[in-house]
PDB file of N, CA and C in Angstrom:
ATOM      1  N   MET A   1    -123.683 -54.357  53.292  1.00  0.00           N
ATOM      2  CA  MET A   1    -123.740 -53.842  51.941  1.00  0.00           C
ATOM      3  C   MET A   1    -122.589 -54.376  51.077  1.00  0.00           C
ATOM      4  N   GLU A   2    -121.433 -54.493  51.652  1.00  0.00           N
ATOM      5  CA  GLU A   2    -120.287 -55.016  50.903  1.00  0.00           C
ATOM      6  C   GLU A   2    -120.559 -56.442  50.457  1.00  0.00           C
ATOM      7  N   ASN A   3    -121.196 -57.225  51.326  1.00  0.00           N
ATOM      8  CA  ASN A   3    -121.530 -58.604  50.986  1.00  0.00           C
ATOM      9  C   ASN A   3    -122.513 -58.635  49.811  1.00  0.00           C
ATOM     10  N   ASN A   4    -123.501 -57.724  49.818  1.00  0.00           N
ATOM     11  CA  ASN A   4    -124.458 -57.649  48.714  1.00  0.00           C
ATOM     12  C   ASN A   4    -123.748 -57.344  47.401  1.00  0.00           C
ATOM     13  N   LYS A   5    -122.785 -56.449  47.459  1.00  0.00           N
ATOM     14  CA  LYS A   5    -122.041 -56.087  46.251  1.00  0.00           C
ATOM     15  C   LYS A   5    -121.307 -57.303  45.694  1.00  0.00           C
ATOM     16  N   LYS A   6    -120.705 -58.090  46.574  1.00  0.00           N
ATOM     17  CA  LYS A   6    -119.988 -59.291  46.144  1.00  0.00           C
ATOM     18  C   LYS A   6    -120.955 -60.316  45.548  1.00  0.00           C
ATOM     19  N   ILE A   7    -122.122 -60.433  46.140  1.00  0.00           N
ATOM     20  CA  ILE A   7    -123.125 -61.366  45.619  1.00  0.00           C
ATOM     21  C   ILE A   7    -123.546 -60.939  44.218  1.00  0.00           C
ATOM     22  N   ILE A   8    -123.817 -59.644  44.043  1.00  0.00           N
ATOM     23  CA  ILE A   8    -124.226 -59.127  42.741  1.00  0.00           C
ATOM     24  C   ILE A   8    -123.121 -59.340  41.708  1.00  0.00           C
ATOM     25  N   GLU A   9    -121.897 -59.061  42.088  1.00  0.00           N
ATOM     26  CA  GLU A   9    -120.775 -59.271  41.168  1.00  0.00           C
ATOM     27  C   GLU A   9    -120.705 -60.736  40.734  1.00  0.00           C
ATOM     28  N   HIS A  10    -120.909 -61.641  41.666  1.00  0.00           N
ATOM     29  CA  HIS A  10    -120.902 -63.075  41.342  1.00  0.00           C
ATOM     30  C   HIS A  10    -122.068 -63.423  40.411  1.00  0.00           C
ATOM     31  N   LEU A  11    -123.242 -62.908  40.727  1.00  0.00           N
ATOM     32  CA  LEU A  11    -124.430 -63.205  39.918  1.00  0.00           C
ATOM     33  C   LEU A  11    -124.282 -62.693  38.491  1.00  0.00           C
ATOM     34  N   MET A  12    -123.638 -61.555  38.328  1.00  0.00           N
ATOM     35  CA  MET A  12    -123.471 -60.970  36.997  1.00  0.00           C
ATOM     36  C   MET A  12    -122.586 -61.832  36.101  1.00  0.00           C
ATOM     37  N   LYS A  13    -121.806 -62.734  36.676  1.00  0.00           N
ATOM     38  CA  LYS A  13    -120.931 -63.625  35.905  1.00  0.00           C
ATOM     39  C   LYS A  13    -121.668 -64.884  35.441  1.00  0.00           C
ATOM     40  N   LEU A  14    -122.881 -65.077  35.911  1.00  0.00           N
ATOM     41  CA  LEU A  14    -123.642 -66.265  35.536  1.00  0.00           C
ATOM     42  C   LEU A  14    -124.114 -66.171  34.091  1.00  0.00           C
ATOM     43  N   SER A  15    -124.418 -67.325  33.528  1.00  0.00           N
ATOM     44  CA  SER A  15    -124.982 -67.361  32.181  1.00  0.00           C
ATOM     45  C   SER A  15    -126.422 -66.849  32.242  1.00  0.00           C
ATOM     46  N   PRO A  16    -126.976 -66.464  31.104  1.00  0.00           N
ATOM     47  CA  PRO A  16    -128.366 -65.993  31.118  1.00  0.00           C
ATOM     48  C   PRO A  16    -129.342 -66.992  31.728  1.00  0.00           C
ATOM     49  N   ILE A  17    -129.196 -68.273  31.436  1.00  0.00           N
ATOM     50  CA  ILE A  17    -130.113 -69.272  31.997  1.00  0.00           C
ATOM     51  C   ILE A  17    -129.933 -69.388  33.514  1.00  0.00           C
ATOM     52  N   GLU A  18    -128.704 -69.293  33.978  1.00  0.00           N
ATOM     53  CA  GLU A  18    -128.462 -69.337  35.427  1.00  0.00           C
ATOM     54  C   GLU A  18    -129.065 -68.104  36.104  1.00  0.00           C
ATOM     55  N   LYS A  19    -128.937 -66.952  35.473  1.00  0.00           N
ATOM     56  CA  LYS A  19    -129.534 -65.732  36.018  1.00  0.00           C
ATOM     57  C   LYS A  19    -131.052 -65.871  36.084  1.00  0.00           C
ATOM     58  N   ALA A  20    -131.639 -66.417  35.026  1.00  0.00           N
ATOM     59  CA  ALA A  20    -133.085 -66.606  35.002  1.00  0.00           C
ATOM     60  C   ALA A  20    -133.525 -67.543  36.119  1.00  0.00           C
ATOM     61  N   ASN A  21    -132.756 -68.594  36.362  1.00  0.00           N
ATOM     62  CA  ASN A  21    -133.086 -69.527  37.446  1.00  0.00           C
ATOM     63  C   ASN A  21    -133.018 -68.851  38.808  1.00  0.00           C
ATOM     64  N   VAL A  22    -132.011 -68.014  39.014  1.00  0.00           N
ATOM     65  CA  VAL A  22    -131.883 -67.283  40.285  1.00  0.00           C
ATOM     66  C   VAL A  22    -133.068 -66.332  40.452  1.00  0.00           C
ATOM     67  N   ILE A  23    -133.406 -65.623  39.387  1.00  0.00           N
ATOM     68  CA  ILE A  23    -134.536 -64.701  39.447  1.00  0.00           C
ATOM     69  C   ILE A  23    -135.817 -65.452  39.769  1.00  0.00           C
ATOM     70  N   ASP A  24    -136.026 -66.599  39.125  1.00  0.00           N
ATOM     71  CA  ASP A  24    -137.220 -67.407  39.377  1.00  0.00           C
ATOM     72  C   ASP A  24    -137.283 -67.834  40.840  1.00  0.00           C
ATOM     73  N   LEU A  25    -136.175 -68.289  41.382  1.00  0.00           N
ATOM     74  CA  LEU A  25    -136.148 -68.700  42.790  1.00  0.00           C
ATOM     75  C   LEU A  25    -136.434 -67.532  43.725  1.00  0.00           C
ATOM     76  N   LEU A  26    -135.859 -66.377  43.423  1.00  0.00           N
ATOM     77  CA  LEU A  26    -136.096 -65.198  44.263  1.00  0.00           C
ATOM     78  C   LEU A  26    -137.561 -64.770  44.218  1.00  0.00           C
ATOM     79  N   LEU A  27    -138.140 -64.746  43.029  1.00  0.00           N
ATOM     80  CA  LEU A  27    -139.548 -64.364  42.914  1.00  0.00           C
ATOM     81  C   LEU A  27    -140.452 -65.356  43.637  1.00  0.00           C
ATOM     82  N   LYS A  28    -140.166 -66.631  43.517  1.00  0.00           N
ATOM     83  CA  LYS A  28    -140.963 -67.638  44.224  1.00  0.00           C
ATOM     84  C   LYS A  28    -140.847 -67.463  45.735  1.00  0.00           C
ATOM     85  N   SER A  29    -139.682 -67.044  46.211  1.00  0.00           N
ATOM     86  CA  SER A  29    -139.494 -66.869  47.653  1.00  0.00           C
ATOM     87  C   SER A  29    -140.334 -65.714  48.187  1.00  0.00           C
ATOM     88  N   LEU A  30    -140.683 -64.762  47.331  1.00  0.00           N
ATOM     89  CA  LEU A  30    -141.515 -63.637  47.750  1.00  0.00           C
ATOM     90  C   LEU A  30    -142.987 -64.017  47.827  1.00  0.00           C
ATOM     91  N   ASP A  31    -143.343 -65.141  47.226  1.00  0.00           N
ATOM     92  CA  ASP A  31    -144.736 -65.556  47.134  1.00  0.00           C
ATOM     93  C   ASP A  31    -145.111 -66.595  48.196  1.00  0.00           C
ATOM     94  N   GLU A  32    -144.285 -66.746  49.214  1.00  0.00           N
ATOM     95  CA  GLU A  32    -144.576 -67.705  50.275  1.00  0.00           C
ATOM     96  C   GLU A  32    -145.634 -67.137  51.219  1.00  0.00           C
ATOM     97  N   PRO A  33    -146.517 -68.005  51.700  1.00  0.00           N
ATOM     98  CA  PRO A  33    -147.546 -67.532  52.636  1.00  0.00           C
ATOM     99  C   PRO A  33    -146.926 -66.893  53.882  1.00  0.00           C
ATOM    100  N   ASP A  34    -147.575 -65.853  54.347  1.00  0.00           N
ATOM    101  CA  ASP A  34    -147.149 -65.162  55.561  1.00  0.00           C
ATOM    102  C   ASP A  34    -148.327 -65.191  56.529  1.00  0.00           C
ATOM    103  N   PRO A  35    -148.273 -66.084  57.531  1.00  0.00           N
ATOM    104  CA  PRO A  35    -149.411 -66.226  58.453  1.00  0.00           C
ATOM    105  C   PRO A  35    -149.800 -64.920  59.145  1.00  0.00           C
ATOM    106  N   VAL A  36    -148.845 -64.097  59.482  1.00  0.00           N
ATOM    107  CA  VAL A  36    -149.139 -62.826  60.149  1.00  0.00           C
ATOM    108  C   VAL A  36    -149.912 -61.915  59.193  1.00  0.00           C
ATOM    109  N   MET A  37    -149.442 -61.821  57.947  1.00  0.00           N
ATOM    110  CA  MET A  37    -150.123 -60.979  56.965  1.00  0.00           C
ATOM    111  C   MET A  37    -151.509 -61.534  56.663  1.00  0.00           C
ATOM    112  N   ASP A  38    -151.624 -62.847  56.554  1.00  0.00           N
ATOM    113  CA  ASP A  38    -152.935 -63.462  56.314  1.00  0.00           C
ATOM    114  C   ASP A  38    -153.915 -63.128  57.435  1.00  0.00           C
ATOM    115  N   GLN A  39    -153.432 -63.153  58.666  1.00  0.00           N
ATOM    116  CA  GLN A  39    -154.282 -62.843  59.815  1.00  0.00           C
ATOM    117  C   GLN A  39    -154.715 -61.375  59.787  1.00  0.00           C
ATOM    118  N   LEU A  40    -153.792 -60.490  59.439  1.00  0.00           N
ATOM    119  CA  LEU A  40    -154.131 -59.064  59.348  1.00  0.00           C
ATOM    120  C   LEU A  40    -155.168 -58.811  58.265  1.00  0.00           C
ATOM    121  N   TRP A  41    -155.020 -59.468  57.111  1.00  0.00           N
ATOM    122  CA  TRP A  41    -155.994 -59.298  56.033  1.00  0.00           C
ATOM    123  C   TRP A  41    -157.352 -59.850  56.427  1.00  0.00           C
ATOM    124  N   ALA A  42    -157.364 -60.992  57.106  1.00  0.00           N
ATOM    125  CA  ALA A  42    -158.635 -61.575  57.550  1.00  0.00           C
ATOM    126  C   ALA A  42    -159.350 -60.613  58.491  1.00  0.00           C
ATOM    127  N   LYS A  43    -158.603 -59.989  59.394  1.00  0.00           N
ATOM    128  CA  LYS A  43    -159.177 -59.023  60.326  1.00  0.00           C
ATOM    129  C   LYS A  43    -159.737 -57.815  59.562  1.00  0.00           C
ATOM    130  N   GLU A  44    -158.999 -57.350  58.558  1.00  0.00           N
ATOM    131  CA  GLU A  44    -159.439 -56.211  57.751  1.00  0.00           C
ATOM    132  C   GLU A  44    -160.713 -56.549  56.989  1.00  0.00           C
ATOM    133  N   VAL A  45    -160.764 -57.731  56.420  1.00  0.00           N
ATOM    134  CA  VAL A  45    -161.956 -58.158  55.673  1.00  0.00           C
ATOM    135  C   VAL A  45    -163.171 -58.209  56.593  1.00  0.00           C
ATOM    136  N   GLU A  46    -163.008 -58.794  57.758  1.00  0.00           N
ATOM    137  CA  GLU A  46    -164.113 -58.866  58.717  1.00  0.00           C
ATOM    138  C   GLU A  46    -164.574 -57.471  59.120  1.00  0.00           C
ATOM    139  N   SER A  47    -163.625 -56.569  59.290  1.00  0.00           N
ATOM    140  CA  SER A  47    -163.948 -55.190  59.648  1.00  0.00           C
ATOM    141  C   SER A  47    -164.762 -54.510  58.547  1.00  0.00           C
ATOM    142  N   ARG A  48    -164.371 -54.737  57.297  1.00  0.00           N
ATOM    143  CA  ARG A  48    -165.090 -54.131  56.178  1.00  0.00           C
ATOM    144  C   ARG A  48    -166.487 -54.734  56.031  1.00  0.00           C
ATOM    145  N   ILE A  49    -166.615 -56.034  56.224  1.00  0.00           N
ATOM    146  CA  ILE A  49    -167.925 -56.686  56.153  1.00  0.00           C
ATOM    147  C   ILE A  49    -168.835 -56.125  57.244  1.00  0.00           C
ATOM    148  N   ASP A  50    -168.281 -55.983  58.446  1.00  0.00           N
ATOM    149  CA  ASP A  50    -169.053 -55.436  59.561  1.00  0.00           C
ATOM    150  C   ASP A  50    -169.500 -54.006  59.254  1.00  0.00           C
ATOM    151  N   ALA A  51    -168.597 -53.191  58.720  1.00  0.00           N
ATOM    152  CA  ALA A  51    -168.942 -51.811  58.370  1.00  0.00           C
ATOM    153  C   ALA A  51    -170.023 -51.782  57.300  1.00  0.00           C
ATOM    154  N   PHE A  52    -169.932 -52.670  56.333  1.00  0.00           N
ATOM    155  CA  PHE A  52    -170.950 -52.751  55.287  1.00  0.00           C
ATOM    156  C   PHE A  52    -172.300 -53.137  55.890  1.00  0.00           C
ATOM    157  N   ASP A  53    -172.297 -54.149  56.745  1.00  0.00           N
ATOM    158  CA  ASP A  53    -173.536 -54.607  57.377  1.00  0.00           C
ATOM    159  C   ASP A  53    -174.193 -53.513  58.219  1.00  0.00           C
ATOM    160  N   ARG A  54    -173.370 -52.651  58.818  1.00  0.00           N
ATOM    161  CA  ARG A  54    -173.903 -51.566  59.646  1.00  0.00           C
ATOM    162  C   ARG A  54    -174.223 -50.318  58.840  1.00  0.00           C
ATOM    163  N   GLY A  55    -174.023 -50.363  57.531  1.00  0.00           N
ATOM    164  CA  GLY A  55    -174.307 -49.208  56.691  1.00  0.00           C
ATOM    165  C   GLY A  55    -173.261 -48.112  56.801  1.00  0.00           C
ATOM    166  N   LYS A  56    -172.096 -48.436  57.300  1.00  0.00           N
ATOM    167  CA  LYS A  56    -171.039 -47.437  57.501  1.00  0.00           C
ATOM    168  C   LYS A  56    -170.031 -47.407  56.348  1.00  0.00           C
ATOM    169  N   LEU A  57    -170.221 -48.275  55.380  1.00  0.00           N
ATOM    170  CA  LEU A  57    -169.280 -48.366  54.275  1.00  0.00           C
ATOM    171  C   LEU A  57    -169.977 -47.947  52.991  1.00  0.00           C
ATOM    172  N   GLN A  58    -169.401 -46.979  52.313  1.00  0.00           N
ATOM    173  CA  GLN A  58    -169.975 -46.508  51.062  1.00  0.00           C
ATOM    174  C   GLN A  58    -169.651 -47.514  49.965  1.00  0.00           C
ATOM    175  N   VAL A  59    -170.654 -47.885  49.211  1.00  0.00           N
ATOM    176  CA  VAL A  59    -170.481 -48.841  48.126  1.00  0.00           C
ATOM    177  C   VAL A  59    -170.661 -48.109  46.804  1.00  0.00           C
ATOM    178  N   LEU A  60    -169.739 -48.332  45.878  1.00  0.00           N
ATOM    179  CA  LEU A  60    -169.786 -47.697  44.577  1.00  0.00           C
ATOM    180  C   LEU A  60    -169.849 -48.758  43.489  1.00  0.00           C
ATOM    181  N   THR A  61    -170.528 -48.409  42.403  1.00  0.00           N
ATOM    182  CA  THR A  61    -170.464 -49.266  41.231  1.00  0.00           C
ATOM    183  C   THR A  61    -169.108 -49.045  40.573  1.00  0.00           C
ATOM    184  N   GLN A  62    -168.763 -49.919  39.658  1.00  0.00           N
ATOM    185  CA  GLN A  62    -167.507 -49.772  38.937  1.00  0.00           C
ATOM    186  C   GLN A  62    -167.481 -48.446  38.189  1.00  0.00           C
ATOM    187  N   GLU A  63    -168.588 -48.085  37.569  1.00  0.00           N
ATOM    188  CA  GLU A  63    -168.662 -46.831  36.821  1.00  0.00           C
ATOM    189  C   GLU A  63    -168.441 -45.628  37.740  1.00  0.00           C
ATOM    190  N   GLU A  64    -169.075 -45.652  38.920  1.00  0.00           N
ATOM    191  CA  GLU A  64    -168.920 -44.552  39.883  1.00  0.00           C
ATOM    192  C   GLU A  64    -167.452 -44.445  40.335  1.00  0.00           C
ATOM    193  N   PHE A  65    -166.846 -45.582  40.602  1.00  0.00           N
ATOM    194  CA  PHE A  65    -165.468 -45.598  41.062  1.00  0.00           C
ATOM    195  C   PHE A  65    -164.555 -44.938  40.027  1.00  0.00           C
ATOM    196  N   PHE A  66    -164.682 -45.358  38.766  1.00  0.00           N
ATOM    197  CA  PHE A  66    -163.804 -44.821  37.733  1.00  0.00           C
ATOM    198  C   PHE A  66    -164.096 -43.363  37.424  1.00  0.00           C
ATOM    199  N   LYS A  67    -165.352 -42.959  37.570  1.00  0.00           N
ATOM    200  CA  LYS A  67    -165.694 -41.546  37.367  1.00  0.00           C
ATOM    201  C   LYS A  67    -164.998 -40.697  38.430  1.00  0.00           C
ATOM    202  N   ILE A  68    -165.064 -41.122  39.682  1.00  0.00           N
ATOM    203  CA  ILE A  68    -164.410 -40.405  40.782  1.00  0.00           C
ATOM    204  C   ILE A  68    -162.881 -40.406  40.570  1.00  0.00           C
ATOM    205  N   ARG A  69    -162.373 -41.533  40.169  1.00  0.00           N
ATOM    206  CA  ARG A  69    -160.920 -41.679  40.002  1.00  0.00           C
ATOM    207  C   ARG A  69    -160.378 -40.765  38.896  1.00  0.00           C
ATOM    208  N   ARG A  70    -161.165 -40.547  37.866  1.00  0.00           N
ATOM    209  CA  ARG A  70    -160.732 -39.685  36.756  1.00  0.00           C
ATOM    210  C   ARG A  70    -160.649 -38.224  37.174  1.00  0.00           C
ATOM    211  N   ASN A  71    -161.468 -37.831  38.141  1.00  0.00           N
ATOM    212  CA  ASN A  71    -161.528 -36.424  38.564  1.00  0.00           C
ATOM    213  C   ASN A  71    -160.436 -36.066  39.482  1.00  0.00           C
TER     214      ASN A  71
END
């Protein structure tokens, strides 16, 4: 935590454009592919497709969804 505080203190001394560049780099680093997460999502999608095919998944129209959500 102390190291984080020192990093933040250093970053706060940067110019606005330098801060924007750091923020851009940090945000881009969060958008990197994650093979483990991709595999988990693929498994979830297959599971939902299978449930739909077996009639085990309730399907709603957009209108039905928003009506339920409002209540």
